[in-house]
Each structure stands twice: as C-alpha cells, then as structure tokens.
Amino acid sequence: MNLKREWNELFTISILICVLAIMFYTFFAAGELQIWASNSADEYQHVLNNPISSQNISERSGLNEKNIGDLTDRLQVEIHDKNNAE
C-alpha cells in the first residue's frame, strides 16, 4: 500500500476534473441575455420604488458617498418625523 501514490492519483483526478470543467465553461459560456431573463428588471422595482430608497440608487450607479449621504439624511428626517408624531 503506497499512500503517497494514492494521494497523487486522487489529486491528479481532481485537477483533471477542474481543468475539464474550465475548458467546458470557456467554450460554451455566453454573456448574452437570455429570453427568460429579459423581464427580470421588474423584480427589483418594488425595492427601487420604496420611499426609503434614494432615487439616485439604481443597479447601474451603485452606492457612492453622495447616495449614502442622501439615504442618511432621508432616514434622519423620517425618524425625526416619526418621533414627533408620537
């Protein structure tokens, strides 16, 4: 029983599987928008239309310092209004 040889075989098989998977992905992967995913933008509309969300935030712009500042200001105003209403 040669333990080192057995481990080498195991790692060789694992590497071979990984290389084959990478080659398969490289040849057959596509960056095209699929038909079934074309209406997926509506999935996030309820989040973007939420009154607590900044209007400047979208999937394209991402968060930046100005957006975070706007969100912070809006949250502070809402908290202040809520505390005054009680």
C-alpha atoms as a PDB file:
ATOM      1  CA  MET A   1       0.000   0.000   0.000  1.00  0.00           C
ATOM      2  CA  ASN A   2       1.660   3.158  -1.235  1.00  0.00           C
ATOM      3  CA  LEU A   3      -0.176   6.032   0.427  1.00  0.00           C
ATOM      4  CA  LYS A   4       1.704   8.817  -1.343  1.00  0.00           C
ATOM      5  CA  ARG A   5       0.954   7.353  -4.787  1.00  0.00           C
ATOM      6  CA  GLU A   6      -2.747   7.017  -3.916  1.00  0.00           C
ATOM      7  CA  TRP A   7      -2.951  10.648  -2.826  1.00  0.00           C
ATOM      8  CA  ASN A   8      -1.166  11.728  -6.014  1.00  0.00           C
ATOM      9  CA  GLU A   9      -3.742   9.836  -8.069  1.00  0.00           C
ATOM     10  CA  LEU A  10      -6.574  11.474  -6.154  1.00  0.00           C
ATOM     11  CA  PHE A  11      -5.182  14.975  -6.703  1.00  0.00           C
ATOM     12  CA  THR A  12      -4.436  14.248 -10.365  1.00  0.00           C
ATOM     13  CA  ILE A  13      -8.033  13.158 -10.950  1.00  0.00           C
ATOM     14  CA  SER A  14      -9.329  16.247  -9.117  1.00  0.00           C
ATOM     15  CA  ILE A  15      -7.132  18.565 -11.200  1.00  0.00           C
ATOM     16  CA  LEU A  16      -8.239  16.829 -14.392  1.00  0.00           C
ATOM     17  CA  ILE A  17     -11.911  17.306 -13.479  1.00  0.00           C
ATOM     18  CA  CYS A  18     -11.320  21.011 -12.724  1.00  0.00           C
ATOM     19  CA  VAL A  19      -9.429  21.567 -15.988  1.00  0.00           C
ATOM     20  CA  LEU A  20     -12.174  19.858 -17.988  1.00  0.00           C
ATOM     21  CA  ALA A  21     -14.830  21.955 -16.251  1.00  0.00           C
ATOM     22  CA  ILE A  22     -12.909  25.169 -17.009  1.00  0.00           C
ATOM     23  CA  MET A  23     -12.489  24.153 -20.654  1.00  0.00           C
ATOM     24  CA  PHE A  24     -16.205  23.321 -20.951  1.00  0.00           C
ATOM     25  CA  TYR A  25     -17.138  26.678 -19.404  1.00  0.00           C
ATOM     26  CA  THR A  26     -14.675  28.559 -21.635  1.00  0.00           C
ATOM     27  CA  PHE A  27     -16.043  27.047 -24.842  1.00  0.00           C
ATOM     28  CA  PHE A  28     -19.761  27.042 -24.072  1.00  0.00           C
ATOM     29  CA  ALA A  29     -20.346  30.035 -21.781  1.00  0.00           C
ATOM     30  CA  ALA A  30     -22.067  33.058 -23.299  1.00  0.00           C
ATOM     31  CA  GLY A  31     -22.683  36.539 -21.968  1.00  0.00           C
ATOM     32  CA  GLU A  32     -25.913  37.018 -23.873  1.00  0.00           C
ATOM     33  CA  LEU A  33     -29.115  37.980 -22.101  1.00  0.00           C
ATOM     34  CA  GLN A  34     -31.437  35.005 -22.196  1.00  0.00           C
ATOM     35  CA  ILE A  35     -35.082  35.346 -23.214  1.00  0.00           C
ATOM     36  CA  TRP A  36     -36.311  34.055 -19.866  1.00  0.00           C
ATOM     37  CA  ALA A  37     -34.308  36.736 -18.027  1.00  0.00           C
ATOM     38  CA  SER A  38     -35.327  39.740 -20.148  1.00  0.00           C
ATOM     39  CA  ASN A  39     -38.138  40.825 -17.786  1.00  0.00           C
ATOM     40  CA  SER A  40     -36.143  40.303 -14.599  1.00  0.00           C
ATOM     41  CA  ALA A  41     -35.644  44.077 -14.134  1.00  0.00           C
ATOM     42  CA  ASP A  42     -39.215  44.249 -12.796  1.00  0.00           C
ATOM     43  CA  GLU A  43     -38.130  42.003  -9.958  1.00  0.00           C
ATOM     44  CA  TYR A  44     -36.347  44.927  -8.261  1.00  0.00           C
ATOM     45  CA  GLN A  45     -38.870  47.700  -8.985  1.00  0.00           C
ATOM     46  CA  HIS A  46     -40.524  47.394  -5.563  1.00  0.00           C
ATOM     47  CA  VAL A  47     -37.134  47.962  -3.937  1.00  0.00           C
ATOM     48  CA  LEU A  48     -36.269  50.968  -6.104  1.00  0.00           C
ATOM     49  CA  ASN A  49     -39.745  52.480  -5.641  1.00  0.00           C
ATOM     50  CA  ASN A  50     -39.576  52.121  -1.858  1.00  0.00           C
ATOM     51  CA  PRO A  51     -39.903  55.615  -0.321  1.00  0.00           C
ATOM     52  CA  ILE A  52     -36.958  54.963   1.978  1.00  0.00           C
ATOM     53  CA  SER A  53     -34.684  54.271  -1.015  1.00  0.00           C
ATOM     54  CA  SER A  54     -32.831  57.092  -2.676  1.00  0.00           C
ATOM     55  CA  GLN A  55     -33.974  57.960  -6.184  1.00  0.00           C
ATOM     56  CA  ASN A  56     -30.325  58.164  -7.195  1.00  0.00           C
ATOM     57  CA  ILE A  57     -29.704  54.493  -6.450  1.00  0.00           C
ATOM     58  CA  SER A  58     -30.077  52.077  -9.306  1.00  0.00           C
ATOM     59  CA  GLU A  59     -28.370  48.880 -10.367  1.00  0.00           C
ATOM     60  CA  ARG A  60     -26.143  50.894 -12.701  1.00  0.00           C
ATOM     61  CA  SER A  61     -24.988  53.644 -10.348  1.00  0.00           C
ATOM     62  CA  GLY A  62     -24.416  51.593  -7.210  1.00  0.00           C
ATOM     63  CA  LEU A  63     -23.798  53.165  -3.843  1.00  0.00           C
ATOM     64  CA  ASN A  64     -21.414  56.062  -3.578  1.00  0.00           C
ATOM     65  CA  GLU A  65     -20.769  58.711  -0.921  1.00  0.00           C
ATOM     66  CA  LYS A  66     -23.480  61.055  -2.238  1.00  0.00           C
ATOM     67  CA  ASN A  67     -26.125  58.309  -2.317  1.00  0.00           C
ATOM     68  CA  ILE A  68     -25.225  57.162   1.192  1.00  0.00           C
ATOM     69  CA  GLY A  69     -25.417  60.762   2.404  1.00  0.00           C
ATOM     70  CA  ASP A  70     -28.833  61.195   0.766  1.00  0.00           C
ATOM     71  CA  LEU A  71     -30.093  57.982   2.354  1.00  0.00           C
ATOM     72  CA  THR A  72     -28.771  59.012   5.748  1.00  0.00           C
ATOM     73  CA  ASP A  73     -30.435  62.426   5.502  1.00  0.00           C
ATOM     74  CA  ARG A  74     -33.756  60.918   4.441  1.00  0.00           C
ATOM     75  CA  LEU A  75     -33.649  58.357   7.250  1.00  0.00           C
ATOM     76  CA  GLN A  76     -32.882  61.040   9.829  1.00  0.00           C
ATOM     77  CA  VAL A  77     -35.832  63.137   8.617  1.00  0.00           C
ATOM     78  CA  GLU A  78     -38.152  60.133   8.709  1.00  0.00           C
ATOM     79  CA  ILE A  79     -37.014  59.168  12.212  1.00  0.00           C
ATOM     80  CA  HIS A  80     -37.420  62.752  13.395  1.00  0.00           C
ATOM     81  CA  ASP A  81     -40.920  62.981  11.864  1.00  0.00           C
ATOM     82  CA  LYS A  82     -41.902  59.646  13.389  1.00  0.00           C
ATOM     83  CA  ASN A  83     -40.665  60.680  16.850  1.00  0.00           C
ATOM     84  CA  ASN A  84     -42.548  63.998  16.637  1.00  0.00           C
ATOM     85  CA  ALA A  85     -45.748  62.243  15.559  1.00  0.00           C
ATOM     86  CA  GLU A  86     -45.706  60.080  18.698  1.00  0.00           C
END
